[in-house]
């Protein structure tokens, strides 16, 4: 099956002409892209359908809120297409195209105003990685690496495999949710995984399933094919208002992922990116949703950590009380911050780490 890609709202059969006209101002700023398979998952009789909310524009996106680069990724861009924020990990942006454009995307700047941070020629990034032996992990992202032709993606992966100190290659992709047939119908993908995911040098596929309804039979088949080919799978999702901001829904997602052999890895705080206000849930509410979901899961399904991808590092939200909110740096741009523990006075309206201002206590185990 080859789903048809759709980039105009008037090509979406579930939307009326009046709705398309009303949303034109949104798509003029934040482009739309989906495909016939993913759109078929929507219940068009339900105006609050979560799959619809994930992919169909909303006029709420025009609310003035946030910034284009909420995590200041440009600060850590060391050469075109390559970010090096954490010592052992490099991020290579290999594509500016996705199977669909998530409405809550934190890199929507890549698809707006002709901005370009990805590269077609990754040789500069590869040279940088070769010259930095501390880099053991390389994350391929974008856009979606699986939007590339398979031979192009394999050329990048084979080049990385010739760099001895690169032990883990991660492919960040939502394609198993957006278009599982990209994997099911291309035998070159599992062949590539088998070739380059070997003991001691694994390929991790970092999926993004945001709602349990995305885990269709076709998606499960794509997951199984990747796993059988030697990939290790883990899932990441933000907490998204109107999609998974319900403990029962998130518990269902965690459980079904674990049933399919996909480890729930990170649950992110939705970044304060331009256009994302209507998808953002306050930090402390997100924490309670996630903990409520974990309470309904088995041990293997409750492994996800709740994190904020802040400009200064990856910060885990480790506890919330009526008076205090506790954070710990899992990763940091400044290695001295790794493990730093900070307790702030509670702020129920906070939607980002920067909204916490009253420090109660802090410590660092590395000092």
Protein backbone atom coordinates (compact mmCIF):
# COMPACT_ATOMS: atom_id res chain seq x y z
CA UNK A 1 0.00 0.00 0.00
CA UNK A 2 1.35 3.43 -0.94
CA UNK A 3 -0.57 6.22 0.84
CA UNK A 4 -1.16 9.42 -1.11
CA UNK A 5 0.54 12.48 0.39
CA UNK A 6 -1.66 15.55 0.83
CA UNK A 7 -0.35 19.08 1.35
CA UNK A 8 -3.54 21.10 0.77
CA UNK A 9 -6.51 21.13 3.10
CA UNK A 10 -8.92 21.11 0.17
CA UNK A 11 -7.54 17.64 -0.57
CA UNK A 12 -8.81 16.37 2.81
CA UNK A 13 -12.21 14.79 2.22
CA UNK A 14 -13.26 15.14 5.87
CA UNK A 15 -13.05 18.94 5.83
CA UNK A 16 -15.73 21.19 4.37
CA UNK A 17 -14.95 24.09 2.09
CA UNK A 18 -15.87 26.52 4.87
CA UNK A 19 -13.44 24.82 7.26
CA UNK A 20 -10.65 24.94 4.69
CA UNK A 21 -11.25 28.66 4.15
CA UNK A 22 -11.25 29.29 7.90
CA UNK A 23 -7.91 27.51 8.32
CA UNK A 24 -6.15 29.16 5.39
CA UNK A 25 -4.60 31.79 7.66
CA UNK A 26 -3.06 28.99 9.74
CA UNK A 27 -1.57 27.07 6.85
CA UNK A 28 -0.22 30.31 5.46
CA UNK A 29 2.06 30.39 8.48
CA UNK A 30 2.40 26.75 9.56
CA UNK A 31 2.25 24.35 6.60
CA UNK A 32 0.05 21.25 6.47
CA UNK A 33 1.17 17.80 5.36
CA UNK A 34 -0.38 14.37 5.87
CA UNK A 35 -1.30 11.26 3.91
CA UNK A 36 -4.36 9.20 3.11
CA UNK A 37 -3.45 6.42 5.59
CA UNK A 38 -3.07 8.72 8.59
CA UNK A 39 -6.15 10.77 7.73
CA UNK A 40 -8.16 7.53 7.57
CA UNK A 41 -7.59 7.11 11.32
CA UNK A 42 -9.68 10.20 12.07
CA UNK A 43 -13.31 9.98 13.18
CA UNK A 44 -14.59 13.02 11.27
CA UNK A 45 -17.86 12.95 13.22
CA UNK A 46 -15.92 13.75 16.38
CA UNK A 47 -14.66 17.37 16.44
CA UNK A 48 -12.37 16.47 19.38
CA UNK A 49 -10.83 13.42 17.69
CA UNK A 50 -7.21 13.16 18.94
CA UNK A 51 -5.72 12.13 15.58
CA UNK A 52 -7.42 15.11 13.97
CA UNK A 53 -5.89 17.36 16.63
CA UNK A 54 -2.44 15.93 15.93
CA UNK A 55 -2.46 16.67 12.21
CA UNK A 56 -5.22 19.12 11.20
CA UNK A 57 -4.47 22.85 11.70
CA UNK A 58 -6.26 24.82 14.40
CA UNK A 59 -6.79 28.56 14.55
CA UNK A 60 -5.46 28.48 18.11
CA UNK A 61 -1.99 28.10 16.58
CA UNK A 62 -2.12 31.78 15.65
CA UNK A 63 -2.06 32.84 19.30
CA UNK A 64 1.11 34.83 19.94
CA UNK A 65 3.09 32.64 22.31
CA UNK A 66 6.53 31.10 22.38
CA UNK A 67 9.60 31.45 20.18
CA UNK A 68 10.74 29.64 17.02
CA UNK A 69 13.68 27.86 18.73
CA UNK A 70 12.57 27.23 22.31
CA UNK A 71 15.58 25.06 23.21
CA UNK A 72 18.10 27.35 21.47
CA UNK A 73 19.31 24.60 19.17
CA UNK A 74 21.16 27.11 17.03
CA UNK A 75 23.46 27.79 19.98
CA UNK A 76 24.77 24.23 19.78
CA UNK A 77 25.03 24.01 15.98
CA UNK A 78 28.72 23.45 15.28
CA UNK A 79 28.48 23.08 11.51
CA UNK A 80 25.58 23.03 9.03
CA UNK A 81 23.12 20.33 10.08
CA UNK A 82 25.04 19.15 13.16
CA UNK A 83 24.36 19.95 16.81
CA UNK A 84 26.74 18.98 19.60
CA UNK A 85 25.15 19.88 22.93
CA UNK A 86 26.14 16.92 25.10
CA UNK A 87 29.68 15.50 25.10
CA UNK A 88 28.84 11.97 23.99
CA UNK A 89 25.95 12.71 21.64
CA UNK A 90 25.74 14.47 18.28
CA UNK A 91 22.51 15.34 16.48
CA UNK A 92 22.53 15.25 12.70
CA UNK A 93 19.58 16.91 10.92
CA UNK A 94 19.36 14.95 7.69
CA UNK A 95 15.92 15.89 6.36
CA UNK A 96 13.48 18.80 6.41
CA UNK A 97 10.52 16.61 5.44
CA UNK A 98 8.22 14.37 7.51
CA UNK A 99 5.51 11.83 6.83
CA UNK A 100 3.20 14.49 8.24
CA UNK A 101 3.62 17.81 9.98
CA UNK A 102 2.70 17.47 13.66
CA UNK A 103 0.80 20.55 14.77
CA UNK A 104 2.82 20.68 18.02
CA UNK A 105 6.21 20.30 16.32
CA UNK A 106 9.07 22.06 18.13
CA UNK A 107 11.08 22.39 14.90
CA UNK A 108 8.31 23.85 12.76
CA UNK A 109 10.81 26.63 11.92
CA UNK A 110 12.36 24.11 9.49
CA UNK A 111 9.17 24.14 7.42
CA UNK A 112 8.48 27.89 7.57
CA UNK A 113 9.74 30.85 5.57
CA UNK A 114 12.22 28.81 3.60
CA UNK A 115 14.43 28.40 6.68
CA UNK A 116 17.04 25.68 6.32
CA UNK A 117 19.02 24.01 9.10
CA UNK A 118 19.19 20.53 7.59
CA UNK A 119 21.77 19.55 4.98
CA UNK A 120 21.79 17.37 1.91
CA UNK A 121 25.58 16.98 2.14
CA UNK A 122 26.43 15.57 5.58
CA UNK A 123 30.17 15.31 4.92
CA UNK A 124 30.97 18.30 7.15
CA UNK A 125 29.04 16.77 10.04
CA UNK A 126 30.72 13.41 9.52
CA UNK A 127 34.16 15.05 9.55
CA UNK A 128 33.29 16.76 12.82
CA UNK A 129 32.12 13.46 14.38
CA UNK A 130 35.33 11.71 13.22
CA UNK A 131 37.44 14.36 14.92
CA UNK A 132 35.59 14.08 18.25
CA UNK A 133 36.24 10.62 19.73
CA UNK A 134 34.07 11.40 22.77
CA UNK A 135 30.98 11.09 20.55
CA UNK A 136 29.60 7.56 20.97
CA UNK A 137 25.95 8.31 20.05
CA UNK A 138 24.67 9.94 16.89
CA UNK A 139 20.99 10.81 16.55
CA UNK A 140 19.63 11.17 13.02
CA UNK A 141 16.70 13.54 13.01
CA UNK A 142 15.17 16.37 11.05
CA UNK A 143 12.43 16.22 9.68
CA UNK A 144 12.22 12.48 9.54
CA UNK A 145 15.18 10.37 8.34
CA UNK A 146 12.77 7.81 6.89
CA UNK A 147 11.49 10.45 4.48
CA UNK A 148 14.85 10.06 2.72
CA UNK A 149 15.33 7.46 -0.01
CA UNK A 150 16.58 4.30 1.69
CA UNK A 151 19.88 4.28 -0.22
CA UNK A 152 20.56 7.87 0.90
CA UNK A 153 19.86 6.98 4.53
CA UNK A 154 22.01 3.86 4.23
CA UNK A 155 24.91 5.90 2.87
CA UNK A 156 24.77 8.09 6.00
CA UNK A 157 24.52 5.09 8.34
CA UNK A 158 27.33 3.20 6.60
CA UNK A 159 29.56 6.27 6.88
CA UNK A 160 28.85 6.49 10.60
CA UNK A 161 29.57 2.79 11.01
CA UNK A 162 33.06 3.40 9.61
CA UNK A 163 33.75 5.74 12.54
CA UNK A 164 34.99 3.43 15.26
CA UNK A 165 33.96 5.45 18.32
CA UNK A 166 30.32 5.77 17.19
CA UNK A 167 28.66 2.86 18.97
CA UNK A 168 24.98 3.84 18.84
CA UNK A 169 23.05 5.28 15.90
CA UNK A 170 19.58 6.52 16.76
CA UNK A 171 16.94 7.15 14.10
CA UNK A 172 14.27 9.55 15.33
CA UNK A 173 11.11 8.84 13.34
CA UNK A 174 7.33 9.10 13.44
CA UNK A 175 7.00 7.13 10.22
CA UNK A 176 5.76 3.93 11.96
CA UNK A 177 2.76 6.03 13.07
CA UNK A 178 2.37 8.32 10.05
CA UNK A 179 3.00 5.76 7.32
CA UNK A 180 3.99 2.24 8.45
CA UNK A 181 3.91 1.12 4.81
CA UNK A 182 7.14 3.05 4.28
CA UNK A 183 8.70 0.22 6.33
CA UNK A 184 6.41 -2.67 5.44
CA UNK A 185 6.74 -2.17 1.68
CA UNK A 186 10.49 -1.54 1.46
CA UNK A 187 12.58 -4.65 2.19
CA UNK A 188 15.74 -2.54 1.94
CA UNK A 189 14.96 -0.99 5.34
CA UNK A 190 15.07 -4.20 7.42
CA UNK A 191 18.06 -5.35 5.36
CA UNK A 192 19.86 -2.13 6.25
CA UNK A 193 19.03 -2.56 9.95
CA UNK A 194 20.38 -6.12 9.89
CA UNK A 195 23.60 -4.95 8.28
CA UNK A 196 24.37 -2.13 10.67
CA UNK A 197 22.78 -3.11 14.00
CA UNK A 198 25.22 -5.61 15.46
CA UNK A 199 26.37 -6.57 18.97
CA UNK A 200 28.13 -3.59 20.54
CA UNK A 201 27.05 -1.26 17.72
CA UNK A 202 23.29 -1.02 17.77
CA UNK A 203 20.74 0.97 15.84
CA UNK A 204 18.00 2.40 18.02
CA UNK A 205 14.74 3.48 16.42
CA UNK A 206 13.17 6.25 18.49
CA UNK A 207 9.49 6.14 17.57
CA UNK A 208 6.88 8.79 18.31
CA UNK A 209 3.45 7.43 19.05
CA UNK A 210 1.40 10.13 20.76
CA UNK A 211 -1.94 8.34 21.12
CA UNK A 212 -2.87 4.63 21.34
CA UNK A 213 -5.08 4.88 18.22
CA UNK A 214 -1.92 5.33 16.17
CA UNK A 215 -0.91 1.76 17.10
CA UNK A 216 -2.83 0.09 14.27
CA UNK A 217 -2.20 -3.42 12.95
CA UNK A 218 -0.04 -1.92 10.19
CA UNK A 219 1.97 0.09 12.74
CA UNK A 220 2.44 -3.03 14.87
CA UNK A 221 3.66 -4.88 11.78
CA UNK A 222 6.22 -2.17 11.06
CA UNK A 223 7.41 -2.27 14.67
CA UNK A 224 7.78 -6.06 14.53
CA UNK A 225 9.76 -5.88 11.29
CA UNK A 226 12.19 -3.33 12.73
CA UNK A 227 12.60 -5.33 15.93
CA UNK A 228 13.12 -8.63 14.11
CA UNK A 229 15.79 -6.91 12.00
CA UNK A 230 17.84 -6.04 15.09
CA UNK A 231 16.72 -2.52 15.93
CA UNK A 232 16.06 -1.57 19.55
CA UNK A 233 12.89 0.48 19.86
CA UNK A 234 11.95 3.18 22.34
CA UNK A 235 9.14 5.73 22.22
CA UNK A 236 9.01 9.45 22.96
CA UNK A 237 5.99 11.75 23.14
CA UNK A 238 5.12 15.10 24.62
CA UNK A 239 2.07 15.58 26.80
CA UNK A 240 -0.34 17.24 24.35
CA UNK A 241 -3.52 19.04 25.33
CA UNK A 242 -6.53 17.31 23.81
CA UNK A 243 -4.54 14.25 22.72
CA UNK A 244 -2.97 12.39 25.65
CA UNK A 245 -3.55 14.70 28.63
CA UNK A 246 -5.56 12.00 30.38
CA UNK A 247 -3.96 9.33 32.63
CA UNK A 248 -6.13 6.57 31.15
CA UNK A 249 -5.14 7.46 27.57
CA UNK A 250 -1.45 7.73 28.43
CA UNK A 251 -1.58 4.46 30.40
CA UNK A 252 -3.13 2.76 27.38
CA UNK A 253 -0.34 4.14 25.18
CA UNK A 254 2.41 3.00 27.59
CA UNK A 255 0.88 -0.45 27.96
CA UNK A 256 0.28 -1.05 24.27
CA UNK A 257 3.80 0.09 23.43
CA UNK A 258 5.21 -2.37 25.96
CA UNK A 259 3.04 -5.15 24.49
CA UNK A 260 4.63 -4.46 21.09
CA UNK A 261 8.16 -4.45 22.53
CA UNK A 262 8.67 -0.67 22.45
CA UNK A 263 10.03 0.84 25.65
CA UNK A 264 8.32 4.07 26.80
CA UNK A 265 11.43 6.27 27.09
CA UNK A 266 10.80 10.00 27.47
CA UNK A 267 7.61 11.97 27.95
CA UNK A 268 8.41 15.58 27.13
CA UNK A 269 6.98 18.84 28.34
CA UNK A 270 5.58 20.51 25.21
CA UNK A 271 8.12 23.17 24.26
CA UNK A 272 7.07 26.83 24.19
CA UNK A 273 7.48 26.99 20.44
CA UNK A 274 5.64 29.54 18.33
CA UNK A 275 2.13 28.25 17.62
CA UNK A 276 2.12 25.63 20.37
CA UNK A 277 0.13 27.39 23.10
CA UNK A 278 -3.04 25.34 22.56
CA UNK A 279 -1.10 22.07 22.84
CA UNK A 280 0.80 22.95 26.02
CA UNK A 281 -0.14 21.58 29.46
CA UNK A 282 1.32 23.12 32.66
CA UNK A 283 4.34 21.25 34.04
CA UNK A 284 2.77 20.19 37.32
CA UNK A 285 -0.42 19.03 35.62
CA UNK A 286 1.67 17.04 33.13
CA UNK A 287 3.56 15.41 36.00
CA UNK A 288 0.35 14.29 37.69
CA UNK A 289 -1.05 12.95 34.40
CA UNK A 290 2.09 10.89 33.82
CA UNK A 291 2.19 9.56 37.37
CA UNK A 292 -1.51 8.74 37.14
CA UNK A 293 -0.81 6.80 33.95
CA UNK A 294 2.09 4.89 35.49
CA UNK A 295 -0.13 3.85 38.38
CA UNK A 296 -2.25 1.93 35.86
CA UNK A 297 0.67 0.12 34.18
CA UNK A 298 2.94 -2.84 34.81
CA UNK A 299 6.60 -2.20 35.61
CA UNK A 300 7.78 -2.55 32.02
CA UNK A 301 5.24 0.00 30.83
CA UNK A 302 6.09 2.65 33.43
CA UNK A 303 9.72 3.30 32.51
CA UNK A 304 9.19 6.68 30.84
CA UNK A 305 10.83 9.74 32.39
CA UNK A 306 9.18 13.14 32.31
CA UNK A 307 11.71 15.64 30.96
CA UNK A 308 12.06 19.21 29.79
CA UNK A 309 14.41 19.70 26.82
CA UNK A 310 15.71 23.03 28.02
CA UNK A 311 18.42 25.17 26.45
CA UNK A 312 20.73 24.24 29.34
CA UNK A 313 20.05 20.50 29.29
CA UNK A 314 17.62 17.65 29.66
CA UNK A 315 15.87 18.25 32.97
CA UNK A 316 13.78 15.54 34.62
CA UNK A 317 10.75 16.52 36.68
CA UNK A 318 11.23 14.14 39.60
CA UNK A 319 8.57 15.23 42.06
CA UNK A 320 5.68 17.61 42.71
CA UNK A 321 4.09 18.43 46.07
CA UNK A 322 1.53 21.05 47.03
CA UNK A 323 4.38 23.45 47.77
CA UNK A 324 7.41 22.36 45.77
CA UNK A 325 8.49 21.06 42.35
CA UNK A 326 11.74 19.11 42.10
CA UNK A 327 14.03 18.85 39.07
CA UNK A 328 17.25 17.01 38.19
CA UNK A 329 19.57 17.46 35.23
CA UNK A 330 19.90 14.14 33.38
CA UNK A 331 22.07 15.78 30.71
CA UNK A 332 23.57 19.24 30.55
CA UNK A 333 25.41 21.45 28.11
CA UNK A 334 27.74 22.23 31.02
CA UNK A 335 28.86 18.81 32.33
CA UNK A 336 29.14 20.29 35.83
CA UNK A 337 25.33 20.53 35.89
CA UNK A 338 24.74 16.81 35.32
CA UNK A 339 22.96 15.42 38.36
CA UNK A 340 22.19 18.87 39.73
CA UNK A 341 19.03 18.74 41.85
CA UNK A 342 16.88 21.85 42.26
CA UNK A 343 13.75 22.41 44.34
CA UNK A 344 11.54 25.34 43.39
CA UNK A 345 8.47 26.79 44.98
CA UNK A 346 5.45 25.36 43.19
CA UNK A 347 4.00 27.31 40.25
CA UNK A 348 0.82 25.60 38.97
CA UNK A 349 0.71 27.86 35.92
CA UNK A 350 4.30 27.15 34.82
CA UNK A 351 4.57 25.71 31.33
CA UNK A 352 8.37 25.71 31.08
CA UNK A 353 11.40 25.47 33.34
CA UNK A 354 12.02 29.21 33.04
CA UNK A 355 8.65 29.88 34.71
CA UNK A 356 10.11 28.62 38.00
CA UNK A 357 11.88 31.45 39.81
CA UNK A 358 11.85 30.81 43.57
CA UNK A 359 14.61 28.33 44.48
CA UNK A 360 14.05 26.48 47.77
CA UNK A 361 17.10 24.20 47.72
CA UNK A 362 19.67 22.75 45.35
CA UNK A 363 22.66 20.46 45.29
CA UNK A 364 25.03 18.78 42.84
CA UNK A 365 26.47 15.31 43.49
CA UNK A 366 29.41 16.04 41.17
CA UNK A 367 30.77 18.94 43.21
